[in-house]
Amino acid sequence: MTTVQLYTQKSSSEVKLPVGFSKEAPLSSIAQAFHVYRERSHTGLPMVQTRGMVSLTTRKMYKQKHTGNARHSSAKAPIFVGGGVTHGPKGIKTTHTLTKSLRKMTKSGSIALKIAQNEFALIDIKGINKTKEASLLIKNTGARNAVVALSVKNWAQAKAFRNIANVSVFPWETMNAYPMLTHHFLLVDSSVLEVEKAEKKPVAKKAVAKKTTK
């Protein structure tokens, strides 16, 4: 079992993470997930006007020969100010996806990476409803740039963390590799451990009576 720090507003202690909470994953897979999530974080729909879209005259700049200057067509050419843009973005959005197994693996692998770099900690947010209290808790962890992952039952307390500088808040269920790797420290709500244990608890199978044929 891996041992990590559990922080409160006034103290800290060591706790053991349950088995399977974080499993190492190949760095290549984590990098793939990082780039996919980064690409999906923006609209990706900028577009420029080509020379065929610019609203300018199509008259030739000057005659072809006997001027001593280079040959030019209209003012729509890309070399002129106000002309069309060459090789610019075309406003086509490409969406990349990850399989369910890869999403789960890279999330666990990113957590394992943070633990290995001593950039992971659990936080106890019971009784925290004000930004001042949340700020004191973050200060106690020593994190200068942190992402906070809260469980669903404690999501109402996210408002206490939102106004803290250099702190981002995400639901634990939608947390992925991108916010983990773009922040210095990963702080996870301690109640997440209860959720993880409940999900991994084996479900008892109901006994089904078999029909007998005569």
C-alpha atoms as a PDB file:
ATOM      1  CA  MET A   1       0.000   0.000   0.000  1.00  0.00           C
ATOM      2  CA  THR A   2       1.093   3.550  -0.766  1.00  0.00           C
ATOM      3  CA  THR A   3       1.279   6.061   2.091  1.00  0.00           C
ATOM      4  CA  VAL A   4       0.343   9.701   1.462  1.00  0.00           C
ATOM      5  CA  GLN A   5      -0.325  12.801   3.539  1.00  0.00           C
ATOM      6  CA  LEU A   6      -3.824  13.750   4.689  1.00  0.00           C
ATOM      7  CA  TYR A   7      -4.167  17.464   5.447  1.00  0.00           C
ATOM      8  CA  THR A   8      -6.704  19.367   7.514  1.00  0.00           C
ATOM      9  CA  GLN A   9      -6.798  23.081   8.304  1.00  0.00           C
ATOM     10  CA  LYS A  10      -4.599  22.609  11.365  1.00  0.00           C
ATOM     11  CA  SER A  11      -2.671  19.355  11.052  1.00  0.00           C
ATOM     12  CA  SER A  12      -1.547  16.523   8.792  1.00  0.00           C
ATOM     13  CA  SER A  13      -1.212  12.767   9.124  1.00  0.00           C
ATOM     14  CA  GLU A  14      -0.252   9.759   7.055  1.00  0.00           C
ATOM     15  CA  VAL A  15      -2.856   7.451   5.519  1.00  0.00           C
ATOM     16  CA  LYS A  16      -2.624   4.436   3.271  1.00  0.00           C
ATOM     17  CA  LEU A  17      -4.277   4.421  -0.124  1.00  0.00           C
ATOM     18  CA  PRO A  18      -6.372   1.377  -1.000  1.00  0.00           C
ATOM     19  CA  VAL A  19      -4.880  -1.184  -3.354  1.00  0.00           C
ATOM     20  CA  GLY A  20      -5.563  -0.314  -6.979  1.00  0.00           C
ATOM     21  CA  PHE A  21      -6.193   3.388  -6.340  1.00  0.00           C
ATOM     22  CA  SER A  22      -3.273   4.261  -8.586  1.00  0.00           C
ATOM     23  CA  LYS A  23      -1.657   1.985 -11.138  1.00  0.00           C
ATOM     24  CA  GLU A  24       1.311   2.975 -13.248  1.00  0.00           C
ATOM     25  CA  ALA A  25       0.695   3.459 -16.951  1.00  0.00           C
ATOM     26  CA  PRO A  26       3.071   3.901 -19.913  1.00  0.00           C
ATOM     27  CA  LEU A  27       4.190   7.495 -20.330  1.00  0.00           C
ATOM     28  CA  SER A  28       3.317   7.273 -24.024  1.00  0.00           C
ATOM     29  CA  SER A  29      -0.328   6.535 -23.152  1.00  0.00           C
ATOM     30  CA  ILE A  30      -0.443   9.394 -20.632  1.00  0.00           C
ATOM     31  CA  ALA A  31       1.035  11.742 -23.253  1.00  0.00           C
ATOM     32  CA  GLN A  32      -1.566  10.601 -25.786  1.00  0.00           C
ATOM     33  CA  ALA A  33      -4.383  11.302 -23.341  1.00  0.00           C
ATOM     34  CA  PHE A  34      -2.869  14.686 -22.464  1.00  0.00           C
ATOM     35  CA  HIS A  35      -2.826  15.800 -26.106  1.00  0.00           C
ATOM     36  CA  VAL A  36      -6.377  14.535 -26.727  1.00  0.00           C
ATOM     37  CA  TYR A  37      -7.793  16.390 -23.715  1.00  0.00           C
ATOM     38  CA  ARG A  38      -5.847  19.535 -24.618  1.00  0.00           C
ATOM     39  CA  GLU A  39      -7.170  19.456 -28.163  1.00  0.00           C
ATOM     40  CA  ARG A  40     -10.728  19.030 -26.904  1.00  0.00           C
ATOM     41  CA  SER A  41     -10.425  21.920 -24.435  1.00  0.00           C
ATOM     42  CA  HIS A  42     -10.826  24.594 -27.137  1.00  0.00           C
ATOM     43  CA  THR A  43     -13.256  25.053 -30.011  1.00  0.00           C
ATOM     44  CA  GLY A  44     -10.591  24.872 -32.720  1.00  0.00           C
ATOM     45  CA  LEU A  45     -12.758  26.784 -35.191  1.00  0.00           C
ATOM     46  CA  PRO A  46     -10.684  29.859 -36.206  1.00  0.00           C
ATOM     47  CA  MET A  47     -10.830  30.669 -39.881  1.00  0.00           C
ATOM     48  CA  VAL A  48      -9.116  33.143 -42.203  1.00  0.00           C
ATOM     49  CA  GLN A  49     -10.189  34.612 -45.524  1.00  0.00           C
ATOM     50  CA  THR A  50      -8.390  33.360 -48.586  1.00  0.00           C
ATOM     51  CA  ARG A  51      -7.870  35.506 -51.688  1.00  0.00           C
ATOM     52  CA  GLY A  52     -11.139  34.136 -53.036  1.00  0.00           C
ATOM     53  CA  MET A  53     -13.073  35.426 -50.019  1.00  0.00           C
ATOM     54  CA  VAL A  54     -11.588  38.916 -49.635  1.00  0.00           C
ATOM     55  CA  SER A  55     -13.867  41.717 -50.810  1.00  0.00           C
ATOM     56  CA  LEU A  56     -11.524  43.767 -53.011  1.00  0.00           C
ATOM     57  CA  THR A  57     -11.289  44.739 -56.639  1.00  0.00           C
ATOM     58  CA  THR A  58     -10.116  42.131 -59.102  1.00  0.00           C
ATOM     59  CA  ARG A  59      -8.402  44.726 -61.299  1.00  0.00           C
ATOM     60  CA  LYS A  60      -4.793  44.005 -62.131  1.00  0.00           C
ATOM     61  CA  MET A  61      -2.402  46.176 -60.133  1.00  0.00           C
ATOM     62  CA  TYR A  62      -0.593  47.465 -63.231  1.00  0.00           C
ATOM     63  CA  LYS A  63       0.243  46.189 -66.667  1.00  0.00           C
ATOM     64  CA  GLN A  64       2.238  43.016 -67.026  1.00  0.00           C
ATOM     65  CA  LYS A  65       5.361  44.328 -68.779  1.00  0.00           C
ATOM     66  CA  HIS A  66       7.593  47.359 -69.225  1.00  0.00           C
ATOM     67  CA  THR A  67       7.197  48.739 -65.666  1.00  0.00           C
ATOM     68  CA  GLY A  68      10.403  47.397 -64.121  1.00  0.00           C
ATOM     69  CA  ASN A  69       8.378  45.905 -61.277  1.00  0.00           C
ATOM     70  CA  ALA A  70       7.392  42.334 -60.416  1.00  0.00           C
ATOM     71  CA  ARG A  71       4.335  40.860 -62.073  1.00  0.00           C
ATOM     72  CA  HIS A  72       1.218  41.134 -59.926  1.00  0.00           C
ATOM     73  CA  SER A  73      -2.422  40.289 -60.238  1.00  0.00           C
ATOM     74  CA  SER A  74      -5.070  41.969 -58.082  1.00  0.00           C
ATOM     75  CA  ALA A  75      -4.829  43.420 -54.577  1.00  0.00           C
ATOM     76  CA  LYS A  76      -6.286  40.148 -53.270  1.00  0.00           C
ATOM     77  CA  ALA A  77      -2.869  38.524 -53.461  1.00  0.00           C
ATOM     78  CA  PRO A  78      -1.474  37.393 -50.067  1.00  0.00           C
ATOM     79  CA  ILE A  79       1.580  39.672 -50.317  1.00  0.00           C
ATOM     80  CA  PHE A  80      -0.567  42.822 -50.120  1.00  0.00           C
ATOM     81  CA  VAL A  81      -2.009  44.328 -46.942  1.00  0.00           C
ATOM     82  CA  GLY A  82      -5.665  43.391 -46.755  1.00  0.00           C
ATOM     83  CA  GLY A  83      -5.211  40.524 -49.177  1.00  0.00           C
ATOM     84  CA  GLY A  84      -6.086  36.893 -48.581  1.00  0.00           C
ATOM     85  CA  VAL A  85      -4.155  34.727 -46.129  1.00  0.00           C
ATOM     86  CA  THR A  86      -2.192  31.715 -47.337  1.00  0.00           C
ATOM     87  CA  HIS A  87      -2.183  28.393 -45.459  1.00  0.00           C
ATOM     88  CA  GLY A  88      -4.259  29.727 -42.555  1.00  0.00           C
ATOM     89  CA  PRO A  89      -6.702  27.722 -40.392  1.00  0.00           C
ATOM     90  CA  LYS A  90      -9.777  26.581 -42.285  1.00  0.00           C
ATOM     91  CA  GLY A  91     -12.266  26.280 -39.434  1.00  0.00           C
ATOM     92  CA  ILE A  92     -12.377  22.495 -39.476  1.00  0.00           C
ATOM     93  CA  LYS A  93     -12.652  20.929 -36.013  1.00  0.00           C
ATOM     94  CA  THR A  94     -11.245  17.445 -35.598  1.00  0.00           C
ATOM     95  CA  THR A  95     -12.337  15.566 -32.481  1.00  0.00           C
ATOM     96  CA  HIS A  96     -10.148  12.868 -30.995  1.00  0.00           C
ATOM     97  CA  THR A  97     -11.448  10.341 -28.502  1.00  0.00           C
ATOM     98  CA  LEU A  98     -10.082   7.810 -26.031  1.00  0.00           C
ATOM     99  CA  THR A  99     -11.435   4.392 -25.250  1.00  0.00           C
ATOM    100  CA  LYS A 100     -12.993   3.816 -21.833  1.00  0.00           C
ATOM    101  CA  SER A 101     -10.147   1.529 -20.769  1.00  0.00           C
ATOM    102  CA  LEU A 102      -7.526   4.071 -21.887  1.00  0.00           C
ATOM    103  CA  ARG A 103      -9.272   6.897 -20.015  1.00  0.00           C
ATOM    104  CA  LYS A 104      -9.315   4.834 -16.837  1.00  0.00           C
ATOM    105  CA  MET A 105      -5.705   3.700 -17.277  1.00  0.00           C
ATOM    106  CA  THR A 106      -4.312   7.191 -17.936  1.00  0.00           C
ATOM    107  CA  LYS A 107      -6.241   8.673 -15.005  1.00  0.00           C
ATOM    108  CA  SER A 108      -4.769   6.073 -12.659  1.00  0.00           C
ATOM    109  CA  GLY A 109      -1.341   6.452 -14.285  1.00  0.00           C
ATOM    110  CA  SER A 110      -1.373  10.235 -13.843  1.00  0.00           C
ATOM    111  CA  ILE A 111      -2.199   9.808 -10.153  1.00  0.00           C
ATOM    112  CA  ALA A 112       0.654   7.318  -9.784  1.00  0.00           C
ATOM    113  CA  LEU A 113       2.975   9.788 -11.505  1.00  0.00           C
ATOM    114  CA  LYS A 114       1.974  12.550  -9.091  1.00  0.00           C
ATOM    115  CA  ILE A 115       2.488  10.259  -6.102  1.00  0.00           C
ATOM    116  CA  ALA A 116       5.946   9.272  -7.350  1.00  0.00           C
ATOM    117  CA  GLN A 117       6.882  12.968  -7.660  1.00  0.00           C
ATOM    118  CA  ASN A 118       5.531  13.789  -4.150  1.00  0.00           C
ATOM    119  CA  GLU A 119       2.916  16.055  -5.691  1.00  0.00           C
ATOM    120  CA  PHE A 120      -0.170  14.278  -4.356  1.00  0.00           C
ATOM    121  CA  ALA A 121      -2.076  14.649  -1.092  1.00  0.00           C
ATOM    122  CA  LEU A 122      -5.495  14.029   0.411  1.00  0.00           C
ATOM    123  CA  ILE A 123      -7.483  16.849   2.030  1.00  0.00           C
ATOM    124  CA  ASP A 124     -10.241  16.715   4.617  1.00  0.00           C
ATOM    125  CA  ILE A 125     -12.781  19.410   3.704  1.00  0.00           C
ATOM    126  CA  LYS A 126     -15.324  18.764   6.449  1.00  0.00           C
ATOM    127  CA  GLY A 127     -16.662  22.060   7.788  1.00  0.00           C
ATOM    128  CA  ILE A 128     -15.051  24.157   5.027  1.00  0.00           C
ATOM    129  CA  ASN A 129     -17.606  26.595   3.605  1.00  0.00           C
ATOM    130  CA  LYS A 130     -15.619  29.818   3.230  1.00  0.00           C
ATOM    131  CA  THR A 131     -12.759  30.812   0.947  1.00  0.00           C
ATOM    132  CA  LYS A 132     -10.673  31.843   3.951  1.00  0.00           C
ATOM    133  CA  GLU A 133     -10.929  28.326   5.399  1.00  0.00           C
ATOM    134  CA  ALA A 134     -10.165  26.682   2.051  1.00  0.00           C
ATOM    135  CA  SER A 135      -7.188  28.997   1.530  1.00  0.00           C
ATOM    136  CA  LEU A 136      -5.790  28.019   4.928  1.00  0.00           C
ATOM    137  CA  LEU A 137      -6.077  24.351   3.992  1.00  0.00           C
ATOM    138  CA  ILE A 138      -4.263  24.895   0.667  1.00  0.00           C
ATOM    139  CA  LYS A 139      -1.562  26.862   2.469  1.00  0.00           C
ATOM    140  CA  ASN A 140      -1.083  24.002   4.914  1.00  0.00           C
ATOM    141  CA  THR A 141      -0.344  21.606   2.029  1.00  0.00           C
ATOM    142  CA  GLY A 142       2.383  23.880   0.676  1.00  0.00           C
ATOM    143  CA  ALA A 143       1.027  23.673  -2.882  1.00  0.00           C
ATOM    144  CA  ARG A 144       1.763  26.748  -4.982  1.00  0.00           C
ATOM    145  CA  ASN A 145      -0.358  25.700  -7.963  1.00  0.00           C
ATOM    146  CA  ALA A 146      -2.963  23.026  -7.304  1.00  0.00           C
ATOM    147  CA  VAL A 147      -5.911  21.224  -8.828  1.00  0.00           C
ATOM    148  CA  VAL A 148      -8.539  20.098  -6.317  1.00  0.00           C
ATOM    149  CA  ALA A 149     -10.688  17.034  -7.039  1.00  0.00           C
ATOM    150  CA  LEU A 150     -13.920  16.879  -5.024  1.00  0.00           C
ATOM    151  CA  SER A 151     -16.391  14.042  -4.694  1.00  0.00           C
ATOM    152  CA  VAL A 152     -20.009  14.458  -5.747  1.00  0.00           C
ATOM    153  CA  LYS A 153     -21.363  14.680  -2.207  1.00  0.00           C
ATOM    154  CA  ASN A 154     -18.954  17.536  -1.373  1.00  0.00           C
ATOM    155  CA  TRP A 155     -19.260  19.395  -4.677  1.00  0.00           C
ATOM    156  CA  ALA A 156     -21.299  22.167  -3.030  1.00  0.00           C
ATOM    157  CA  GLN A 157     -18.095  23.176  -1.216  1.00  0.00           C
ATOM    158  CA  ALA A 158     -16.333  23.853  -4.530  1.00  0.00           C
ATOM    159  CA  LYS A 159     -17.384  27.516  -4.275  1.00  0.00           C
ATOM    160  CA  ALA A 160     -15.000  27.882  -1.325  1.00  0.00           C
ATOM    161  CA  PHE A 161     -12.008  26.996  -3.564  1.00  0.00           C
ATOM    162  CA  ARG A 162     -12.920  28.803  -6.786  1.00  0.00           C
ATOM    163  CA  ASN A 163     -11.703  32.254  -5.781  1.00  0.00           C
ATOM    164  CA  ILE A 164      -8.272  31.100  -4.617  1.00  0.00           C
ATOM    165  CA  ALA A 165      -5.449  32.133  -6.944  1.00  0.00           C
ATOM    166  CA  ASN A 166      -3.710  29.336  -8.866  1.00  0.00           C
ATOM    167  CA  VAL A 167      -6.278  26.749  -7.732  1.00  0.00           C
ATOM    168  CA  SER A 168      -8.641  24.879 -10.063  1.00  0.00           C
ATOM    169  CA  VAL A 169     -11.538  22.672  -8.949  1.00  0.00           C
ATOM    170  CA  PHE A 170     -12.848  19.594 -10.774  1.00  0.00           C
ATOM    171  CA  PRO A 171     -15.271  16.789  -9.922  1.00  0.00           C
ATOM    172  CA  TRP A 172     -13.413  13.572  -9.156  1.00  0.00           C
ATOM    173  CA  GLU A 173     -15.587  11.589 -11.569  1.00  0.00           C
ATOM    174  CA  THR A 174     -14.569  13.744 -14.568  1.00  0.00           C
ATOM    175  CA  MET A 175     -10.950  14.271 -13.571  1.00  0.00           C
ATOM    176  CA  ASN A 176      -8.471  13.334 -16.289  1.00  0.00           C
ATOM    177  CA  ALA A 177      -4.776  13.512 -17.113  1.00  0.00           C
ATOM    178  CA  TYR A 178      -4.818  17.073 -18.494  1.00  0.00           C
ATOM    179  CA  PRO A 179      -5.591  19.109 -15.329  1.00  0.00           C
ATOM    180  CA  MET A 180      -3.412  16.775 -13.245  1.00  0.00           C
ATOM    181  CA  LEU A 181      -0.342  17.343 -15.409  1.00  0.00           C
ATOM    182  CA  THR A 182      -0.854  21.076 -15.947  1.00  0.00           C
ATOM    183  CA  HIS A 183      -0.852  21.806 -12.208  1.00  0.00           C
ATOM    184  CA  HIS A 184       1.961  21.455  -9.725  1.00  0.00           C
ATOM    185  CA  PHE A 185      -0.028  19.631  -7.036  1.00  0.00           C
ATOM    186  CA  LEU A 186      -2.988  17.245  -7.027  1.00  0.00           C
ATOM    187  CA  LEU A 187      -5.238  17.512  -3.969  1.00  0.00           C
ATOM    188  CA  VAL A 188      -7.989  14.905  -3.664  1.00  0.00           C
ATOM    189  CA  ASP A 189     -10.986  15.020  -1.353  1.00  0.00           C
ATOM    190  CA  SER A 190     -10.501  12.270   1.254  1.00  0.00           C
ATOM    191  CA  SER A 191     -14.131  11.136   0.838  1.00  0.00           C
ATOM    192  CA  VAL A 192     -13.150   9.918  -2.640  1.00  0.00           C
ATOM    193  CA  LEU A 193     -11.563   6.885  -0.981  1.00  0.00           C
ATOM    194  CA  GLU A 194     -14.994   5.821   0.306  1.00  0.00           C
ATOM    195  CA  VAL A 195     -16.401   6.089  -3.213  1.00  0.00           C
ATOM    196  CA  GLU A 196     -13.558   4.029  -4.656  1.00  0.00           C
ATOM    197  CA  LYS A 197     -14.007   1.316  -2.037  1.00  0.00           C
ATOM    198  CA  ALA A 198     -17.764   1.184  -2.656  1.00  0.00           C
ATOM    199  CA  GLU A 199     -17.269   0.804  -6.411  1.00  0.00           C
ATOM    200  CA  LYS A 200     -14.795  -2.058  -5.994  1.00  0.00           C
ATOM    201  CA  LYS A 201     -16.887  -3.924  -3.419  1.00  0.00           C
ATOM    202  CA  PRO A 202     -18.050  -7.210  -4.966  1.00  0.00           C
ATOM    203  CA  VAL A 203     -21.754  -7.493  -5.547  1.00  0.00           C
ATOM    204  CA  ALA A 204     -23.395 -10.631  -4.148  1.00  0.00           C
ATOM    205  CA  LYS A 205     -25.042 -12.733  -6.808  1.00  0.00           C
ATOM    206  CA  LYS A 206     -28.642 -13.673  -6.275  1.00  0.00           C
ATOM    207  CA  ALA A 207     -29.452 -17.324  -6.255  1.00  0.00           C
ATOM    208  CA  VAL A 208     -31.606 -18.311  -9.205  1.00  0.00           C
ATOM    209  CA  ALA A 209     -33.782 -21.399  -8.900  1.00  0.00           C
ATOM    210  CA  LYS A 210     -33.319 -23.721 -11.834  1.00  0.00           C
ATOM    211  CA  LYS A 211     -36.397 -25.078 -13.520  1.00  0.00           C
ATOM    212  CA  THR A 212     -36.624 -28.826 -13.731  1.00  0.00           C
ATOM    213  CA  THR A 213     -38.278 -30.505 -16.660  1.00  0.00           C
ATOM    214  CA  LYS A 214     -40.313 -33.617 -16.195  1.00  0.00           C
END
